[in-house]
Each structure stands twice: as structure tokens, then as C-alpha cells.
Amino acid sequence: MKILAIQGSLRVGSNNRKLLKIVLEHLPSGVTGEIYELNEIPLFNGDVYDKGFPDPVDRLREKVRMADDIIISTPEYNYSISGVLKNAIDWASLAPQQPFKGKPVGIVSTSSGLFGGVRSQGHIRQVLQYLECVTMPKPELIVPQGQLKFDEAGKLTDEKTMKAVEAFTTAFVGWVTKMKNAE
């Protein structure tokens, strides 16, 4: 199983990036994950699209196409997903051959507030539903007050959150396997 992990923040020290790395480190053997950085994705411009996909967008579309499944880590900005994440999804989902259709997707989030990105998770689910992705309903991995849960090296220091990460990764792999076996 090959997981594409999409990081919805550009910030190197992002707690969502740290959370995504921890999730990938706790995948069972035989399951691999790769974080895709969105740094090079340009802002969407219809004039550019009319001339063809920019190389970074082509690379993202190919990564989505080749992945068995996807995990998205979404920060929460102004009660929603980051503009960077929405922009990348908009670019990658354009015709021809929209690559997200039918992909199993897990969603994780952390924020500095008490809600841990729950509102951004709701919004990304709406976007993914339109793209005909299949999102894992639960368990959700929502980490409130992320700034208190990681040390400077990015190591998760909160035992309760670690148990939630382990539950999420186990459930995600099991859910995807069950879906694939049902096909």
C-alpha cells in the first residue's frame, strides 16, 4: 500500500507537518507513505491552465494518480482549510482525468486552539466529496493545542495524542484494506 500524504501548510515548522510525519512513522510494515510538499504549486490562473498544467501541478496529479490512498493534514485558517491546500486540490482536480476520483482519503489536523482543526476537516470533506473521494468517517485525528504536544525536534510528547495517532493509522489501513477487498 502506497500512501500519498499531502501537507496543507507551507511552514517548515508547522505542527500539521509534524503530525503528518508522526502518522507516517506509525504505519504498519508493508505500508509506505510519502509527504508531498505544495511549495511549488502556483496560484490557479485560468490563462495558465489554458496553456497546460505547470510542471509542479503535473507532478502532483501524477502522485495522486499513482497513490493507493491519501492522507491529508489540514491546518485551520479562519474556520476553513488553507488557501494553499485548496489551490493545490483545485489545480490537481481539473480535467482531463481528474485523479482524485475513488481515492480513499484520511484526514488529520491540529491547531493551536481547542478545536484542533475540526472545522477545516469538515470543509475538506465537502471538497473531497465533490471530487468523489471516499473519506474515512472515523476515527478522526484532531489534535487541539498542537503547540503543546510536540517538542522542538518535532517529536510527539503527548501520550494521549500518540494513542490517537496509533488508532488512526490502524483504522485507516484496515478501512482501506477492507474497501479494496470488497471491490
Protein backbone atom coordinates (compact mmCIF):
# COMPACT_ATOMS: atom_id res chain seq x y z
CA MET A 1 0.00 0.00 0.00
CA LYS A 2 1.39 3.39 -1.07
CA ILE A 3 0.04 6.45 0.74
CA LEU A 4 0.44 9.97 -0.58
CA ALA A 5 0.48 12.38 2.36
CA ILE A 6 -0.48 15.94 1.41
CA GLN A 7 0.64 18.64 3.81
CA GLY A 8 -1.69 21.67 3.75
CA SER A 9 0.80 24.14 5.19
CA LEU A 10 3.95 25.61 3.68
CA ARG A 11 5.56 26.42 7.02
CA VAL A 12 8.58 24.20 7.74
CA GLY A 13 7.83 24.15 11.48
CA SER A 14 4.11 23.53 11.02
CA ASN A 15 2.51 21.34 13.66
CA ASN A 16 0.42 19.76 10.89
CA ARG A 17 3.64 18.75 9.15
CA LYS A 18 4.91 17.26 12.42
CA LEU A 19 1.63 15.38 12.90
CA LEU A 20 1.72 14.00 9.37
CA LYS A 21 5.30 12.76 9.86
CA ILE A 22 4.30 11.02 13.09
CA VAL A 23 1.33 9.39 11.34
CA LEU A 24 3.58 8.07 8.57
CA GLU A 25 6.12 6.77 11.10
CA HIS A 26 3.37 4.68 12.71
CA LEU A 27 2.14 2.92 9.59
CA PRO A 28 2.31 -0.87 9.78
CA SER A 29 5.00 -2.77 7.89
CA GLY A 30 4.31 -3.13 4.20
CA VAL A 31 2.67 0.29 4.06
CA THR A 32 4.72 3.22 2.81
CA GLY A 33 3.98 6.92 2.87
CA GLU A 34 5.45 9.95 1.16
CA ILE A 35 4.81 13.60 2.05
CA TYR A 36 4.11 15.80 -0.95
CA GLU A 37 5.09 19.43 -0.48
CA LEU A 38 2.88 22.09 -2.09
CA ASN A 39 5.56 24.84 -2.18
CA GLU A 40 5.87 24.95 -5.96
CA ILE A 41 2.17 24.86 -6.89
CA PRO A 42 1.34 28.24 -8.47
CA LEU A 43 -1.84 30.13 -7.74
CA PHE A 44 -4.57 28.96 -10.07
CA ASN A 45 -4.91 31.10 -13.17
CA GLY A 46 -7.28 30.14 -15.99
CA ASP A 47 -4.94 31.69 -18.56
CA VAL A 48 -2.12 29.41 -17.40
CA TYR A 49 -4.48 26.41 -17.37
CA ASP A 50 -5.48 27.15 -20.96
CA LYS A 51 -1.81 26.65 -21.92
CA GLY A 52 -1.48 23.36 -20.00
CA PHE A 53 -0.61 22.26 -16.50
CA PRO A 54 2.56 23.73 -14.96
CA ASP A 55 5.18 21.06 -14.13
CA PRO A 56 4.54 21.14 -10.35
CA VAL A 57 0.84 20.54 -10.97
CA ASP A 58 1.60 17.68 -13.36
CA ARG A 59 3.80 16.12 -10.67
CA LEU A 60 1.07 16.43 -8.05
CA ARG A 61 -1.54 14.96 -10.40
CA GLU A 62 0.75 12.02 -11.15
CA LYS A 63 1.48 11.43 -7.45
CA VAL A 64 -2.27 11.40 -6.71
CA ARG A 65 -2.90 9.06 -9.64
CA MET A 66 -0.18 6.61 -8.53
CA ALA A 67 -1.08 6.58 -4.84
CA ASP A 68 -3.25 3.81 -3.49
CA ASP A 69 -4.71 6.21 -0.97
CA ILE A 70 -4.19 9.66 0.52
CA ILE A 71 -3.83 11.23 3.94
CA ILE A 72 -4.32 14.99 4.11
CA SER A 73 -3.09 17.10 7.01
CA THR A 74 -5.05 20.33 7.10
CA PRO A 75 -4.38 23.36 9.25
CA GLU A 76 -7.33 25.58 10.07
CA TYR A 77 -7.33 29.18 8.91
CA ASN A 78 -10.38 31.36 9.53
CA TYR A 79 -12.60 28.33 10.22
CA SER A 80 -11.58 26.58 6.99
CA ILE A 81 -8.76 24.89 5.07
CA SER A 82 -5.67 26.76 3.99
CA GLY A 83 -5.66 28.57 0.67
CA VAL A 84 -2.54 26.61 -0.26
CA LEU A 85 -4.32 23.27 0.15
CA LYS A 86 -7.49 24.37 -1.66
CA ASN A 87 -5.44 25.83 -4.52
CA ALA A 88 -3.45 22.61 -4.95
CA ILE A 89 -6.59 20.47 -4.92
CA ASP A 90 -8.27 22.80 -7.41
CA TRP A 91 -5.32 22.56 -9.79
CA ALA A 92 -4.90 18.80 -9.46
CA SER A 93 -8.59 18.03 -9.86
CA LEU A 94 -9.08 19.74 -13.20
CA ALA A 95 -9.92 17.83 -16.37
CA PRO A 96 -8.76 15.83 -18.11
CA GLN A 97 -8.69 12.68 -15.98
CA GLN A 98 -9.37 14.05 -12.51
CA PRO A 99 -7.07 11.83 -10.37
CA PHE A 100 -8.89 12.03 -7.02
CA LYS A 101 -12.00 10.10 -8.08
CA GLY A 102 -12.49 6.98 -5.96
CA LYS A 103 -9.37 7.52 -3.82
CA PRO A 104 -9.67 6.57 -0.15
CA VAL A 105 -8.68 9.58 1.97
CA GLY A 106 -7.89 10.00 5.65
CA ILE A 107 -7.81 13.46 7.22
CA VAL A 108 -5.75 14.67 10.18
CA SER A 109 -5.42 18.11 11.72
CA THR A 110 -4.01 20.08 14.57
CA SER A 111 -4.31 23.71 15.53
CA SER A 112 -3.31 25.98 18.38
CA GLY A 113 -6.93 26.30 19.52
CA LEU A 114 -9.17 23.97 21.45
CA PHE A 115 -10.93 22.57 18.37
CA GLY A 116 -7.80 21.13 16.73
CA GLY A 117 -8.87 21.89 13.17
CA VAL A 118 -12.29 20.22 13.33
CA ARG A 119 -13.85 22.96 11.14
CA SER A 120 -11.16 22.58 8.48
CA GLN A 121 -11.78 18.83 8.48
CA GLY A 122 -15.46 19.47 7.77
CA HIS A 123 -14.62 21.77 4.88
CA ILE A 124 -12.06 19.47 3.28
CA ARG A 125 -14.61 16.66 3.47
CA GLN A 126 -17.01 18.80 1.41
CA VAL A 127 -14.35 19.43 -1.23
CA LEU A 128 -13.36 15.76 -1.37
CA GLN A 129 -16.98 14.63 -1.61
CA TYR A 130 -17.39 16.72 -4.75
CA LEU A 131 -14.26 15.08 -6.19
CA GLU A 132 -15.80 11.66 -5.49
CA CYS A 133 -13.15 10.65 -2.96
CA VAL A 134 -14.11 8.24 -0.22
CA THR A 135 -13.20 9.73 3.15
CA MET A 136 -12.72 7.62 6.24
CA PRO A 137 -15.53 8.63 8.61
CA LYS A 138 -13.81 7.75 11.89
CA PRO A 139 -11.80 7.73 13.95
CA GLU A 140 -10.96 11.34 13.35
CA LEU A 141 -7.48 12.51 14.26
CA ILE A 142 -7.92 16.01 15.64
CA VAL A 143 -5.20 17.42 17.88
CA PRO A 144 -6.11 20.56 19.85
CA GLN A 145 -3.39 22.87 21.13
CA GLY A 146 -0.75 21.30 18.91
CA GLN A 147 1.90 23.74 20.06
CA LEU A 148 1.84 21.95 23.43
CA LYS A 149 2.07 18.42 22.00
CA PHE A 150 5.37 18.48 20.08
CA ASP A 151 8.90 19.25 21.16
CA GLU A 152 11.29 21.41 19.13
CA ALA A 153 12.57 18.38 17.19
CA GLY A 154 9.02 17.53 16.09
CA LYS A 155 8.63 14.56 18.42
CA LEU A 156 5.13 13.98 19.77
CA THR A 157 5.31 14.30 23.56
CA ASP A 158 1.66 13.75 24.50
CA GLU A 159 0.79 10.12 25.27
CA LYS A 160 -2.95 10.55 24.67
CA THR A 161 -2.30 12.02 21.24
CA MET A 162 0.13 9.19 20.43
CA LYS A 163 -2.59 6.67 21.19
CA ALA A 164 -4.94 8.61 18.90
CA VAL A 165 -2.30 8.53 16.12
CA GLU A 166 -1.89 4.78 16.52
CA ALA A 167 -5.67 4.25 16.48
CA PHE A 168 -5.98 6.40 13.36
CA THR A 169 -3.23 4.62 11.40
CA THR A 170 -4.52 1.16 12.34
CA ALA A 171 -8.07 2.12 11.43
CA PHE A 172 -7.04 3.79 8.17
CA VAL A 173 -5.04 0.83 6.89
CA GLY A 174 -7.79 -1.58 7.97
CA TRP A 175 -10.50 0.54 6.36
CA VAL A 176 -8.61 0.85 3.06
CA THR A 177 -7.84 -2.88 3.03
CA LYS A 178 -11.48 -3.74 3.67
CA MET A 179 -12.60 -1.39 0.87
CA LYS A 180 -10.09 -2.84 -1.60
CA ASN A 181 -11.10 -6.42 -0.72
CA ALA A 182 -14.76 -5.55 -1.30
CA GLU A 183 -14.07 -4.44 -4.89
